[in-house]
Amino acid sequence: MRIKAKFKKGVTTVKVMAKHAMLSYQEAEKKKVPVNFITHVVAKVGDELVYEVTTSQFLSKNPYLKFAFKGENKGKEVSITWTDLSGKTKTDSKKIK
């Protein structure tokens, strides 16, 4: 995962590019491989949940997410976790600049 997190004027903006094939039902059927795409994304700063989304097969390969939240978070670490249809999870974190 590639993560960028910046704090400016009371708002933290986070940009995330998750590396994942995101195989929809149609693509998987054509390639004769199992269906697999990211189904859930969670972002936390410390123990505080700042972003949560349930996704579907309609995101592109290596999806790009951007979100923002309020609060004094400069110097803290934002942690992003995604879970895919097969149950695999990936977690990465980045210090907020």
PDB file of N, CA and C in Angstrom:
ATOM      1  N   MET A   1       0.830  -1.177   0.000  1.00  0.00           N
ATOM      2  CA  MET A   1       0.000   0.000   0.000  1.00  0.00           C
ATOM      3  C   MET A   1       0.877   1.244   0.000  1.00  0.00           C
ATOM      4  N   ARG A   2       0.455   2.243  -0.718  1.00  0.00           N
ATOM      5  CA  ARG A   2       1.126   3.537  -0.673  1.00  0.00           C
ATOM      6  C   ARG A   2       0.194   4.504   0.039  1.00  0.00           C
ATOM      7  N   ILE A   3       0.704   5.188   1.042  1.00  0.00           N
ATOM      8  CA  ILE A   3      -0.107   6.090   1.857  1.00  0.00           C
ATOM      9  C   ILE A   3       0.563   7.453   1.935  1.00  0.00           C
ATOM     10  N   LYS A   4      -0.228   8.504   1.776  1.00  0.00           N
ATOM     11  CA  LYS A   4       0.212   9.871   2.024  1.00  0.00           C
ATOM     12  C   LYS A   4      -0.808  10.494   2.972  1.00  0.00           C
ATOM     13  N   ALA A   5      -0.329  11.128   4.033  1.00  0.00           N
ATOM     14  CA  ALA A   5      -1.216  11.758   5.004  1.00  0.00           C
ATOM     15  C   ALA A   5      -0.658  13.124   5.377  1.00  0.00           C
ATOM     16  N   LYS A   6      -1.471  14.171   5.169  1.00  0.00           N
ATOM     17  CA  LYS A   6      -1.032  15.534   5.467  1.00  0.00           C
ATOM     18  C   LYS A   6      -2.076  16.256   6.311  1.00  0.00           C
ATOM     19  N   PHE A   7      -1.576  17.027   7.280  1.00  0.00           N
ATOM     20  CA  PHE A   7      -2.423  17.832   8.147  1.00  0.00           C
ATOM     21  C   PHE A   7      -2.285  19.293   7.738  1.00  0.00           C
ATOM     22  N   LYS A   8      -3.425  19.953   7.488  1.00  0.00           N
ATOM     23  CA  LYS A   8      -3.397  21.358   7.103  1.00  0.00           C
ATOM     24  C   LYS A   8      -4.693  22.034   7.532  1.00  0.00           C
ATOM     25  N   LYS A   9      -4.575  23.126   8.267  1.00  0.00           N
ATOM     26  CA  LYS A   9      -5.721  23.934   8.701  1.00  0.00           C
ATOM     27  C   LYS A   9      -6.788  23.113   9.419  1.00  0.00           C
ATOM     28  N   GLY A  10      -6.377  22.238  10.307  1.00  0.00           N
ATOM     29  CA  GLY A  10      -7.322  21.474  11.115  1.00  0.00           C
ATOM     30  C   GLY A  10      -7.902  20.236  10.459  1.00  0.00           C
ATOM     31  N   VAL A  11      -7.474  19.933   9.234  1.00  0.00           N
ATOM     32  CA  VAL A  11      -8.007  18.774   8.508  1.00  0.00           C
ATOM     33  C   VAL A  11      -6.852  17.883   8.054  1.00  0.00           C
ATOM     34  N   THR A  12      -6.989  16.590   8.295  1.00  0.00           N
ATOM     35  CA  THR A  12      -6.019  15.608   7.819  1.00  0.00           C
ATOM     36  C   THR A  12      -6.564  14.970   6.549  1.00  0.00           C
ATOM     37  N   THR A  13      -5.782  15.008   5.476  1.00  0.00           N
ATOM     38  CA  THR A  13      -6.171  14.389   4.208  1.00  0.00           C
ATOM     39  C   THR A  13      -5.288  13.174   3.972  1.00  0.00           C
ATOM     40  N   VAL A  14      -5.921  12.049   3.675  1.00  0.00           N
ATOM     41  CA  VAL A  14      -5.202  10.797   3.469  1.00  0.00           C
ATOM     42  C   VAL A  14      -5.484  10.282   2.060  1.00  0.00           C
ATOM     43  N   LYS A  15      -4.414   9.887   1.365  1.00  0.00           N
ATOM     44  CA  LYS A  15      -4.524   9.274   0.037  1.00  0.00           C
ATOM     45  C   LYS A  15      -3.906   7.888   0.121  1.00  0.00           C
ATOM     46  N   VAL A  16      -4.623   6.885  -0.380  1.00  0.00           N
ATOM     47  CA  VAL A  16      -4.168   5.498  -0.287  1.00  0.00           C
ATOM     48  C   VAL A  16      -4.307   4.816  -1.650  1.00  0.00           C
ATOM     49  N   MET A  17      -3.248   4.109  -2.069  1.00  0.00           N
ATOM     50  CA  MET A  17      -3.345   3.246  -3.229  1.00  0.00           C
ATOM     51  C   MET A  17      -3.068   1.825  -2.746  1.00  0.00           C
ATOM     52  N   ALA A  18      -4.090   1.004  -2.805  1.00  0.00           N
ATOM     53  CA  ALA A  18      -3.973  -0.389  -2.366  1.00  0.00           C
ATOM     54  C   ALA A  18      -3.626  -1.259  -3.564  1.00  0.00           C
ATOM     55  N   LYS A  19      -2.611  -2.084  -3.432  1.00  0.00           N
ATOM     56  CA  LYS A  19      -2.235  -2.990  -4.525  1.00  0.00           C
ATOM     57  C   LYS A  19      -3.063  -4.269  -4.404  1.00  0.00           C
ATOM     58  N   HIS A  20      -3.981  -4.454  -5.358  1.00  0.00           N
ATOM     59  CA  HIS A  20      -4.854  -5.626  -5.351  1.00  0.00           C
ATOM     60  C   HIS A  20      -5.411  -5.827  -6.754  1.00  0.00           C
ATOM     61  N   ALA A  21      -5.539  -7.060  -7.178  1.00  0.00           N
ATOM     62  CA  ALA A  21      -6.033  -7.376  -8.528  1.00  0.00           C
ATOM     63  C   ALA A  21      -7.505  -7.022  -8.723  1.00  0.00           C
ATOM     64  N   MET A  22      -8.299  -7.048  -7.654  1.00  0.00           N
ATOM     65  CA  MET A  22      -9.719  -6.693  -7.693  1.00  0.00           C
ATOM     66  C   MET A  22     -10.470  -7.455  -8.795  1.00  0.00           C
ATOM     67  N   LEU A  23     -10.439  -8.778  -8.745  1.00  0.00           N
ATOM     68  CA  LEU A  23     -11.087  -9.601  -9.760  1.00  0.00           C
ATOM     69  C   LEU A  23     -12.590  -9.707  -9.500  1.00  0.00           C
ATOM     70  N   SER A  24     -13.365  -9.135 -10.407  1.00  0.00           N
ATOM     71  CA  SER A  24     -14.824  -9.199 -10.295  1.00  0.00           C
ATOM     72  C   SER A  24     -15.296 -10.592 -10.721  1.00  0.00           C
ATOM     73  N   TYR A  25     -16.588 -10.833 -10.586  1.00  0.00           N
ATOM     74  CA  TYR A  25     -17.145 -12.137 -10.958  1.00  0.00           C
ATOM     75  C   TYR A  25     -16.936 -12.407 -12.451  1.00  0.00           C
ATOM     76  N   GLN A  26     -17.143 -11.397 -13.289  1.00  0.00           N
ATOM     77  CA  GLN A  26     -16.988 -11.585 -14.734  1.00  0.00           C
ATOM     78  C   GLN A  26     -15.527 -11.815 -15.119  1.00  0.00           C
ATOM     79  N   GLU A  27     -14.618 -11.014 -14.555  1.00  0.00           N
ATOM     80  CA  GLU A  27     -13.195 -11.176 -14.873  1.00  0.00           C
ATOM     81  C   GLU A  27     -12.681 -12.534 -14.404  1.00  0.00           C
ATOM     82  N   ALA A  28     -13.085 -12.945 -13.215  1.00  0.00           N
ATOM     83  CA  ALA A  28     -12.642 -14.226 -12.676  1.00  0.00           C
ATOM     84  C   ALA A  28     -13.153 -15.393 -13.524  1.00  0.00           C
ATOM     85  N   GLU A  29     -14.380 -15.253 -13.999  1.00  0.00           N
ATOM     86  CA  GLU A  29     -14.961 -16.307 -14.842  1.00  0.00           C
ATOM     87  C   GLU A  29     -14.180 -16.426 -16.158  1.00  0.00           C
ATOM     88  N   LYS A  30     -13.819 -15.290 -16.749  1.00  0.00           N
ATOM     89  CA  LYS A  30     -13.056 -15.304 -18.007  1.00  0.00           C
ATOM     90  C   LYS A  30     -11.676 -15.919 -17.812  1.00  0.00           C
ATOM     91  N   LYS A  31     -11.017 -15.575 -16.707  1.00  0.00           N
ATOM     92  CA  LYS A  31      -9.662 -16.061 -16.438  1.00  0.00           C
ATOM     93  C   LYS A  31      -9.639 -17.419 -15.746  1.00  0.00           C
ATOM     94  N   LYS A  32     -10.828 -17.901 -15.361  1.00  0.00           N
ATOM     95  CA  LYS A  32     -10.982 -19.189 -14.668  1.00  0.00           C
ATOM     96  C   LYS A  32     -10.159 -19.236 -13.376  1.00  0.00           C
ATOM     97  N   VAL A  33     -10.285 -18.163 -12.593  1.00  0.00           N
ATOM     98  CA  VAL A  33      -9.638 -18.048 -11.284  1.00  0.00           C
ATOM     99  C   VAL A  33     -10.697 -17.635 -10.264  1.00  0.00           C
ATOM    100  N   PRO A  34     -10.407 -17.788  -8.970  1.00  0.00           N
ATOM    101  CA  PRO A  34     -11.393 -17.407  -7.955  1.00  0.00           C
ATOM    102  C   PRO A  34     -11.652 -15.895  -7.929  1.00  0.00           C
ATOM    103  N   VAL A  35     -12.875 -15.540  -7.621  1.00  0.00           N
ATOM    104  CA  VAL A  35     -13.265 -14.143  -7.449  1.00  0.00           C
ATOM    105  C   VAL A  35     -12.572 -13.608  -6.203  1.00  0.00           C
ATOM    106  N   ASN A  36     -12.043 -12.401  -6.287  1.00  0.00           N
ATOM    107  CA  ASN A  36     -11.391 -11.810  -5.123  1.00  0.00           C
ATOM    108  C   ASN A  36     -11.280 -10.305  -5.300  1.00  0.00           C
ATOM    109  N   PHE A  37     -11.838  -9.557  -4.365  1.00  0.00           N
ATOM    110  CA  PHE A  37     -11.751  -8.102  -4.380  1.00  0.00           C
ATOM    111  C   PHE A  37     -11.825  -7.595  -2.942  1.00  0.00           C
ATOM    112  N   ILE A  38     -11.354  -6.377  -2.726  1.00  0.00           N
ATOM    113  CA  ILE A  38     -11.372  -5.778  -1.390  1.00  0.00           C
ATOM    114  C   ILE A  38     -12.820  -5.505  -0.989  1.00  0.00           C
ATOM    115  N   THR A  39     -13.182  -5.952   0.203  1.00  0.00           N
ATOM    116  CA  THR A  39     -14.558  -5.788   0.667  1.00  0.00           C
ATOM    117  C   THR A  39     -14.706  -4.780   1.802  1.00  0.00           C
ATOM    118  N   HIS A  40     -13.618  -4.483   2.507  1.00  0.00           N
ATOM    119  CA  HIS A  40     -13.724  -3.612   3.679  1.00  0.00           C
ATOM    120  C   HIS A  40     -12.408  -2.865   3.909  1.00  0.00           C
ATOM    121  N   VAL A  41     -12.506  -1.560   4.183  1.00  0.00           N
ATOM    122  CA  VAL A  41     -11.336  -0.738   4.471  1.00  0.00           C
ATOM    123  C   VAL A  41     -11.588   0.043   5.758  1.00  0.00           C
ATOM    124  N   VAL A  42     -10.603   0.037   6.650  1.00  0.00           N
ATOM    125  CA  VAL A  42     -10.700   0.745   7.925  1.00  0.00           C
ATOM    126  C   VAL A  42      -9.436   1.578   8.117  1.00  0.00           C
ATOM    127  N   ALA A  43      -9.612   2.818   8.595  1.00  0.00           N
ATOM    128  CA  ALA A  43      -8.474   3.683   8.919  1.00  0.00           C
ATOM    129  C   ALA A  43      -8.607   4.137  10.365  1.00  0.00           C
ATOM    130  N   LYS A  44      -7.487   4.070  11.098  1.00  0.00           N
ATOM    131  CA  LYS A  44      -7.475   4.475  12.503  1.00  0.00           C
ATOM    132  C   LYS A  44      -6.268   5.358  12.778  1.00  0.00           C
ATOM    133  N   VAL A  45      -6.451   6.290  13.706  1.00  0.00           N
ATOM    134  CA  VAL A  45      -5.349   7.059  14.267  1.00  0.00           C
ATOM    135  C   VAL A  45      -5.323   6.678  15.733  1.00  0.00           C
ATOM    136  N   GLY A  46      -4.308   5.916  16.110  1.00  0.00           N
ATOM    137  CA  GLY A  46      -4.299   5.335  17.457  1.00  0.00           C
ATOM    138  C   GLY A  46      -5.435   4.335  17.558  1.00  0.00           C
ATOM    139  N   ASP A  47      -6.309   4.506  18.555  1.00  0.00           N
ATOM    140  CA  ASP A  47      -7.483   3.635  18.698  1.00  0.00           C
ATOM    141  C   ASP A  47      -8.743   4.260  18.117  1.00  0.00           C
ATOM    142  N   GLU A  48      -8.623   5.458  17.573  1.00  0.00           N
ATOM    143  CA  GLU A  48      -9.785   6.179  17.055  1.00  0.00           C
ATOM    144  C   GLU A  48     -10.052   5.828  15.595  1.00  0.00           C
ATOM    145  N   LEU A  49     -11.264   5.362  15.312  1.00  0.00           N
ATOM    146  CA  LEU A  49     -11.690   5.054  13.949  1.00  0.00           C
ATOM    147  C   LEU A  49     -11.977   6.365  13.222  1.00  0.00           C
ATOM    148  N   VAL A  50     -11.304   6.606  12.100  1.00  0.00           N
ATOM    149  CA  VAL A  50     -11.503   7.851  11.359  1.00  0.00           C
ATOM    150  C   VAL A  50     -12.137   7.639   9.986  1.00  0.00           C
ATOM    151  N   TYR A  51     -12.125   6.391   9.491  1.00  0.00           N
ATOM    152  CA  TYR A  51     -12.702   6.102   8.179  1.00  0.00           C
ATOM    153  C   TYR A  51     -13.012   4.613   8.104  1.00  0.00           C
ATOM    154  N   GLU A  52     -14.178   4.303   7.579  1.00  0.00           N
ATOM    155  CA  GLU A  52     -14.561   2.900   7.381  1.00  0.00           C
ATOM    156  C   GLU A  52     -15.475   2.831   6.175  1.00  0.00           C
ATOM    157  N   VAL A  53     -15.202   1.884   5.290  1.00  0.00           N
ATOM    158  CA  VAL A  53     -16.015   1.741   4.087  1.00  0.00           C
ATOM    159  C   VAL A  53     -16.106   0.266   3.692  1.00  0.00           C
ATOM    160  N   THR A  54     -17.275  -0.121   3.215  1.00  0.00           N
ATOM    161  CA  THR A  54     -17.478  -1.441   2.638  1.00  0.00           C
ATOM    162  C   THR A  54     -17.487  -1.248   1.132  1.00  0.00           C
ATOM    163  N   THR A  55     -16.688  -2.024   0.416  1.00  0.00           N
ATOM    164  CA  THR A  55     -16.552  -1.843  -1.027  1.00  0.00           C
ATOM    165  C   THR A  55     -17.098  -3.054  -1.776  1.00  0.00           C
ATOM    166  N   SER A  56     -17.065  -2.964  -3.092  1.00  0.00           N
ATOM    167  CA  SER A  56     -17.577  -4.056  -3.918  1.00  0.00           C
ATOM    168  C   SER A  56     -16.597  -4.348  -5.055  1.00  0.00           C
ATOM    169  N   GLN A  57     -17.027  -5.184  -5.955  1.00  0.00           N
ATOM    170  CA  GLN A  57     -16.202  -5.597  -7.078  1.00  0.00           C
ATOM    171  C   GLN A  57     -16.012  -4.484  -8.109  1.00  0.00           C
ATOM    172  N   PHE A  58     -16.675  -3.366  -7.940  1.00  0.00           N
ATOM    173  CA  PHE A  58     -16.662  -2.325  -8.959  1.00  0.00           C
ATOM    174  C   PHE A  58     -15.545  -1.294  -8.808  1.00  0.00           C
ATOM    175  N   LEU A  59     -14.637  -1.502  -7.863  1.00  0.00           N
ATOM    176  CA  LEU A  59     -13.444  -0.660  -7.786  1.00  0.00           C
ATOM    177  C   LEU A  59     -12.426  -1.172  -8.797  1.00  0.00           C
ATOM    178  N   SER A  60     -11.581  -0.282  -9.275  1.00  0.00           N
ATOM    179  CA  SER A  60     -10.589  -0.671 -10.270  1.00  0.00           C
ATOM    180  C   SER A  60      -9.444  -1.460  -9.641  1.00  0.00           C
ATOM    181  N   LYS A  61      -8.628  -2.041 -10.492  1.00  0.00           N
ATOM    182  CA  LYS A  61      -7.416  -2.728 -10.035  1.00  0.00           C
ATOM    183  C   LYS A  61      -6.544  -1.694  -9.335  1.00  0.00           C
ATOM    184  N   ASN A  62      -5.886  -2.075  -8.251  1.00  0.00           N
ATOM    185  CA  ASN A  62      -5.077  -1.165  -7.433  1.00  0.00           C
ATOM    186  C   ASN A  62      -5.858   0.110  -7.096  1.00  0.00           C
ATOM    187  N   PRO A  63      -6.962  -0.025  -6.350  1.00  0.00           N
ATOM    188  CA  PRO A  63      -7.840   1.123  -6.106  1.00  0.00           C
ATOM    189  C   PRO A  63      -7.165   2.259  -5.337  1.00  0.00           C
ATOM    190  N   TYR A  64      -7.608   3.476  -5.649  1.00  0.00           N
ATOM    191  CA  TYR A  64      -7.117   4.699  -5.027  1.00  0.00           C
ATOM    192  C   TYR A  64      -8.245   5.272  -4.176  1.00  0.00           C
ATOM    193  N   LEU A  65      -7.974   5.503  -2.905  1.00  0.00           N
ATOM    194  CA  LEU A  65      -8.959   6.075  -1.990  1.00  0.00           C
ATOM    195  C   LEU A  65      -8.429   7.387  -1.433  1.00  0.00           C
ATOM    196  N   LYS A  66      -9.305   8.343  -1.251  1.00  0.00           N
ATOM    197  CA  LYS A  66      -8.925   9.624  -0.653  1.00  0.00           C
ATOM    198  C   LYS A  66     -10.021  10.014   0.318  1.00  0.00           C
ATOM    199  N   PHE A  67      -9.616  10.388   1.529  1.00  0.00           N
ATOM    200  CA  PHE A  67     -10.591  10.827   2.525  1.00  0.00           C
ATOM    201  C   PHE A  67      -9.944  11.846   3.443  1.00  0.00           C
ATOM    202  N   ALA A  68     -10.782  12.587   4.169  1.00  0.00           N
ATOM    203  CA  ALA A  68     -10.282  13.614   5.081  1.00  0.00           C
ATOM    204  C   ALA A  68     -11.087  13.566   6.376  1.00  0.00           C
ATOM    205  N   PHE A  69     -10.442  14.006   7.455  1.00  0.00           N
ATOM    206  CA  PHE A  69     -11.112  14.073   8.750  1.00  0.00           C
ATOM    207  C   PHE A  69     -10.508  15.197   9.571  1.00  0.00           C
ATOM    208  N   LYS A  70     -11.292  15.711  10.529  1.00  0.00           N
ATOM    209  CA  LYS A  70     -10.848  16.826  11.358  1.00  0.00           C
ATOM    210  C   LYS A  70     -10.141  16.321  12.608  1.00  0.00           C
ATOM    211  N   GLY A  71      -9.314  17.190  13.163  1.00  0.00           N
ATOM    212  CA  GLY A  71      -8.632  16.847  14.407  1.00  0.00           C
ATOM    213  C   GLY A  71      -7.149  17.136  14.327  1.00  0.00           C
ATOM    214  N   GLU A  72      -6.538  17.425  15.460  1.00  0.00           N
ATOM    215  CA  GLU A  72      -5.100  17.696  15.546  1.00  0.00           C
ATOM    216  C   GLU A  72      -4.359  16.367  15.546  1.00  0.00           C
ATOM    217  N   ASN A  73      -3.847  15.962  14.400  1.00  0.00           N
ATOM    218  CA  ASN A  73      -3.227  14.641  14.260  1.00  0.00           C
ATOM    219  C   ASN A  73      -1.799  14.676  13.735  1.00  0.00           C
ATOM    220  N   LYS A  74      -1.219  15.868  13.572  1.00  0.00           N
ATOM    221  CA  LYS A  74       0.131  15.965  13.019  1.00  0.00           C
ATOM    222  C   LYS A  74       1.116  15.219  13.921  1.00  0.00           C
ATOM    223  N   GLY A  75       1.945  14.379  13.306  1.00  0.00           N
ATOM    224  CA  GLY A  75       2.924  13.599  14.057  1.00  0.00           C
ATOM    225  C   GLY A  75       2.416  12.240  14.503  1.00  0.00           C
ATOM    226  N   LYS A  76       1.100  12.035  14.500  1.00  0.00           N
ATOM    227  CA  LYS A  76       0.533  10.726  14.848  1.00  0.00           C
ATOM    228  C   LYS A  76       0.585   9.820  13.627  1.00  0.00           C
ATOM    229  N   GLU A  77       0.240   8.569  13.822  1.00  0.00           N
ATOM    230  CA  GLU A  77       0.307   7.592  12.742  1.00  0.00           C
ATOM    231  C   GLU A  77      -1.093   7.143  12.346  1.00  0.00           C
ATOM    232  N   VAL A  78      -1.363   7.157  11.035  1.00  0.00           N
ATOM    233  CA  VAL A  78      -2.628   6.642  10.520  1.00  0.00           C
ATOM    234  C   VAL A  78      -2.381   5.220  10.033  1.00  0.00           C
ATOM    235  N   SER A  79      -3.261   4.302  10.420  1.00  0.00           N
ATOM    236  CA  SER A  79      -3.132   2.887  10.066  1.00  0.00           C
ATOM    237  C   SER A  79      -4.313   2.488   9.182  1.00  0.00           C
ATOM    238  N   ILE A  80      -4.015   1.921   8.016  1.00  0.00           N
ATOM    239  CA  ILE A  80      -5.036   1.496   7.055  1.00  0.00           C
ATOM    240  C   ILE A  80      -5.026  -0.026   6.969  1.00  0.00           C
ATOM    241  N   THR A  81      -6.208  -0.634   7.073  1.00  0.00           N
ATOM    242  CA  THR A  81      -6.348  -2.089   6.955  1.00  0.00           C
ATOM    243  C   THR A  81      -7.446  -2.406   5.947  1.00  0.00           C
ATOM    244  N   TRP A  82      -7.126  -3.258   4.975  1.00  0.00           N
ATOM    245  CA  TRP A  82      -8.169  -3.735   4.085  1.00  0.00           C
ATOM    246  C   TRP A  82      -8.313  -5.246   4.212  1.00  0.00           C
ATOM    247  N   THR A  83      -9.512  -5.723   3.933  1.00  0.00           N
ATOM    248  CA  THR A  83      -9.830  -7.152   3.950  1.00  0.00           C
ATOM    249  C   THR A  83     -10.455  -7.494   2.607  1.00  0.00           C
ATOM    250  N   ASP A  84     -10.027  -8.628   2.019  1.00  0.00           N
ATOM    251  CA  ASP A  84     -10.627  -9.008   0.738  1.00  0.00           C
ATOM    252  C   ASP A  84     -11.584 -10.183   0.906  1.00  0.00           C
ATOM    253  N   LEU A  85     -12.196 -10.570  -0.188  1.00  0.00           N
ATOM    254  CA  LEU A  85     -13.225 -11.611  -0.177  1.00  0.00           C
ATOM    255  C   LEU A  85     -12.708 -12.955   0.322  1.00  0.00           C
ATOM    256  N   SER A  86     -11.432 -13.232   0.107  1.00  0.00           N
ATOM    257  CA  SER A  86     -10.855 -14.502   0.550  1.00  0.00           C
ATOM    258  C   SER A  86     -10.494 -14.487   2.038  1.00  0.00           C
ATOM    259  N   GLY A  87     -10.624 -13.315   2.694  1.00  0.00           N
ATOM    260  CA  GLY A  87     -10.309 -13.220   4.117  1.00  0.00           C
ATOM    261  C   GLY A  87      -8.919 -12.679   4.410  1.00  0.00           C
ATOM    262  N   LYS A  88      -8.134 -12.461   3.369  1.00  0.00           N
ATOM    263  CA  LYS A  88      -6.782 -11.925   3.550  1.00  0.00           C
ATOM    264  C   LYS A  88      -6.868 -10.463   3.973  1.00  0.00           C
ATOM    265  N   THR A  89      -5.998 -10.072   4.916  1.00  0.00           N
ATOM    266  CA  THR A  89      -5.950  -8.680   5.337  1.00  0.00           C
ATOM    267  C   THR A  89      -4.559  -8.115   5.116  1.00  0.00           C
ATOM    268  N   LYS A  90      -4.502  -6.815   4.946  1.00  0.00           N
ATOM    269  CA  LYS A  90      -3.228  -6.105   4.772  1.00  0.00           C
ATOM    270  C   LYS A  90      -3.326  -4.827   5.576  1.00  0.00           C
ATOM    271  N   THR A  91      -2.296  -4.551   6.369  1.00  0.00           N
ATOM    272  CA  THR A  91      -2.256  -3.343   7.191  1.00  0.00           C
ATOM    273  C   THR A  91      -0.954  -2.601   6.942  1.00  0.00           C
ATOM    274  N   ASP A  92      -1.056  -1.307   6.748  1.00  0.00           N
ATOM    275  CA  ASP A  92       0.113  -0.436   6.624  1.00  0.00           C
ATOM    276  C   ASP A  92      -0.189   0.851   7.369  1.00  0.00           C
ATOM    277  N   SER A  93       0.860   1.550   7.741  1.00  0.00           N
ATOM    278  CA  SER A  93       0.661   2.809   8.448  1.00  0.00           C
ATOM    279  C   SER A  93       1.676   3.846   7.989  1.00  0.00           C
ATOM    280  N   LYS A  94       1.334   5.098   8.255  1.00  0.00           N
ATOM    281  CA  LYS A  94       2.191   6.207   7.847  1.00  0.00           C
ATOM    282  C   LYS A  94       2.009   7.356   8.831  1.00  0.00           C
ATOM    283  N   LYS A  95       3.097   8.031   9.139  1.00  0.00           N
ATOM    284  CA  LYS A  95       3.056   9.171  10.043  1.00  0.00           C
ATOM    285  C   LYS A  95       2.433  10.360   9.301  1.00  0.00           C
ATOM    286  N   ILE A  96       1.544  11.089   9.988  1.00  0.00           N
ATOM    287  CA  ILE A  96       0.880  12.253   9.400  1.00  0.00           C
ATOM    288  C   ILE A  96       1.850  13.430   9.430  1.00  0.00           C
ATOM    289  N   LYS A  97       2.061  14.049   8.283  1.00  0.00           N
ATOM    290  CA  LYS A  97       2.979  15.192   8.169  1.00  0.00           C
ATOM    291  C   LYS A  97       2.244  16.496   8.340  1.00  0.00           C
TER     292      LYS A  97
END
